C-alpha atoms as a PDB file:
ATOM      1  CA  UNK A   1      24.095  -2.742 -12.075  1.00  0.00           C
ATOM      2  CA  UNK A   2      20.707  -1.460 -10.988  1.00  0.00           C
ATOM      3  CA  UNK A   3      17.608  -3.148 -12.275  1.00  0.00           C
ATOM      4  CA  UNK A   4      14.882  -0.913 -13.651  1.00  0.00           C
ATOM      5  CA  UNK A   5      11.211  -1.782 -13.804  1.00  0.00           C
ATOM      6  CA  UNK A   6       9.877   0.251 -16.685  1.00  0.00           C
ATOM      7  CA  UNK A   7      10.429   3.893 -15.849  1.00  0.00           C
ATOM      8  CA  UNK A   8      10.827   3.261 -12.100  1.00  0.00           C
ATOM      9  CA  UNK A   9      14.486   3.282 -11.172  1.00  0.00           C
ATOM     10  CA  UNK A  10      15.591   3.011  -7.547  1.00  0.00           C
ATOM     11  CA  UNK A  11      16.431   6.734  -7.542  1.00  0.00           C
ATOM     12  CA  UNK A  12      12.961   7.629  -8.862  1.00  0.00           C
ATOM     13  CA  UNK A  13      11.294   5.357  -6.298  1.00  0.00           C
ATOM     14  CA  UNK A  14      13.269   7.034  -3.515  1.00  0.00           C
ATOM     15  CA  UNK A  15      12.283  10.506  -4.661  1.00  0.00           C
ATOM     16  CA  UNK A  16       8.611   9.514  -4.909  1.00  0.00           C
ATOM     17  CA  UNK A  17       8.746   7.977  -1.421  1.00  0.00           C
ATOM     18  CA  UNK A  18      10.283  11.132   0.086  1.00  0.00           C
ATOM     19  CA  UNK A  19       7.676  13.349  -1.595  1.00  0.00           C
ATOM     20  CA  UNK A  20       4.848  11.096  -0.358  1.00  0.00           C
ATOM     21  CA  UNK A  21       6.329  11.172   3.145  1.00  0.00           C
ATOM     22  CA  UNK A  22       6.433  14.975   3.111  1.00  0.00           C
ATOM     23  CA  UNK A  23       2.892  15.335   1.752  1.00  0.00           C
ATOM     24  CA  UNK A  24       1.072  12.678   3.794  1.00  0.00           C
ATOM     25  CA  UNK A  25       3.286  12.204   6.840  1.00  0.00           C
ATOM     26  CA  UNK A  26       4.523   8.960   8.350  1.00  0.00           C
ATOM     27  CA  UNK A  27       1.187   8.150  10.019  1.00  0.00           C
ATOM     28  CA  UNK A  28      -0.873   8.027   6.830  1.00  0.00           C
ATOM     29  CA  UNK A  29       1.526   6.080   4.603  1.00  0.00           C
ATOM     30  CA  UNK A  30       0.627   2.603   5.973  1.00  0.00           C
ATOM     31  CA  UNK A  31      -3.080   3.381   5.541  1.00  0.00           C
ATOM     32  CA  UNK A  32      -2.480   4.531   1.970  1.00  0.00           C
ATOM     33  CA  UNK A  33      -0.484   1.366   1.256  1.00  0.00           C
ATOM     34  CA  UNK A  34      -3.281  -0.848   2.569  1.00  0.00           C
ATOM     35  CA  UNK A  35      -5.883   1.018   0.532  1.00  0.00           C
ATOM     36  CA  UNK A  36      -3.746   0.793  -2.614  1.00  0.00           C
ATOM     37  CA  UNK A  37      -3.189  -2.951  -2.112  1.00  0.00           C
ATOM     38  CA  UNK A  38      -6.899  -3.558  -1.567  1.00  0.00           C
ATOM     39  CA  UNK A  39      -7.747  -1.572  -4.706  1.00  0.00           C
ATOM     40  CA  UNK A  40      -5.261  -3.513  -6.802  1.00  0.00           C
ATOM     41  CA  UNK A  41      -6.618  -6.818  -5.446  1.00  0.00           C
ATOM     42  CA  UNK A  42     -10.201  -5.824  -6.273  1.00  0.00           C
ATOM     43  CA  UNK A  43      -9.164  -4.658  -9.749  1.00  0.00           C
ATOM     44  CA  UNK A  44      -7.430  -7.967 -10.461  1.00  0.00           C
ATOM     45  CA  UNK A  45     -10.401  -9.985  -9.295  1.00  0.00           C
ATOM     46  CA  UNK A  46     -12.757  -7.846 -11.412  1.00  0.00           C
ATOM     47  CA  UNK A  47     -10.644  -8.272 -14.548  1.00  0.00           C
ATOM     48  CA  UNK A  48     -10.334 -12.033 -14.038  1.00  0.00           C
ATOM     49  CA  UNK A  49     -14.092 -12.381 -13.766  1.00  0.00           C
ATOM     50  CA  UNK A  50     -14.256 -13.609 -10.178  1.00  0.00           C
ATOM     51  CA  UNK A  51     -17.707 -12.968  -8.791  1.00  0.00           C
ATOM     52  CA  UNK A  52     -16.828 -13.063  -5.136  1.00  0.00           C
ATOM     53  CA  UNK A  53     -14.546 -10.552  -3.476  1.00  0.00           C
ATOM     54  CA  UNK A  54     -12.899 -11.442  -0.226  1.00  0.00           C
ATOM     55  CA  UNK A  55     -13.783  -9.028   2.497  1.00  0.00           C
ATOM     56  CA  UNK A  56     -10.843  -7.740   4.443  1.00  0.00           C
ATOM     57  CA  UNK A  57     -11.484  -7.330   8.130  1.00  0.00           C
ATOM     58  CA  UNK A  58      -9.676  -4.479   9.780  1.00  0.00           C
ATOM     59  CA  UNK A  59      -7.708  -5.377  12.835  1.00  0.00           C
ATOM     60  CA  UNK A  60      -7.505  -2.614  15.364  1.00  0.00           C
ATOM     61  CA  UNK A  61      -4.483  -2.535  17.614  1.00  0.00           C
ATOM     62  CA  UNK A  62      -5.169  -2.692  21.292  1.00  0.00           C
ATOM     63  CA  UNK A  63      -2.731  -1.251  23.805  1.00  0.00           C
ATOM     64  CA  UNK A  64      -2.190  -3.430  26.809  1.00  0.00           C
ATOM     65  CA  UNK A  65      -0.781  -1.709  29.849  1.00  0.00           C
ATOM     66  CA  UNK A  66       1.668  -3.877  31.701  1.00  0.00           C
ATOM     67  CA  UNK A  67       1.495  -3.332  35.410  1.00  0.00           C
END
């Protein structure tokens, strides 16, 4: 038996993921996920009345050439 979360069934989630992959491409999806998570976190802290918001530092990947 498949568990549904509201209107989001596993089949619907799969279709949405495929459409997002086609529209944005595989390179942009992680960036969109990070931005969505940060927005949700800020929204939660604003609704709870927290005055301080944790700043998220971006970590840039560095390529190290092995010789």
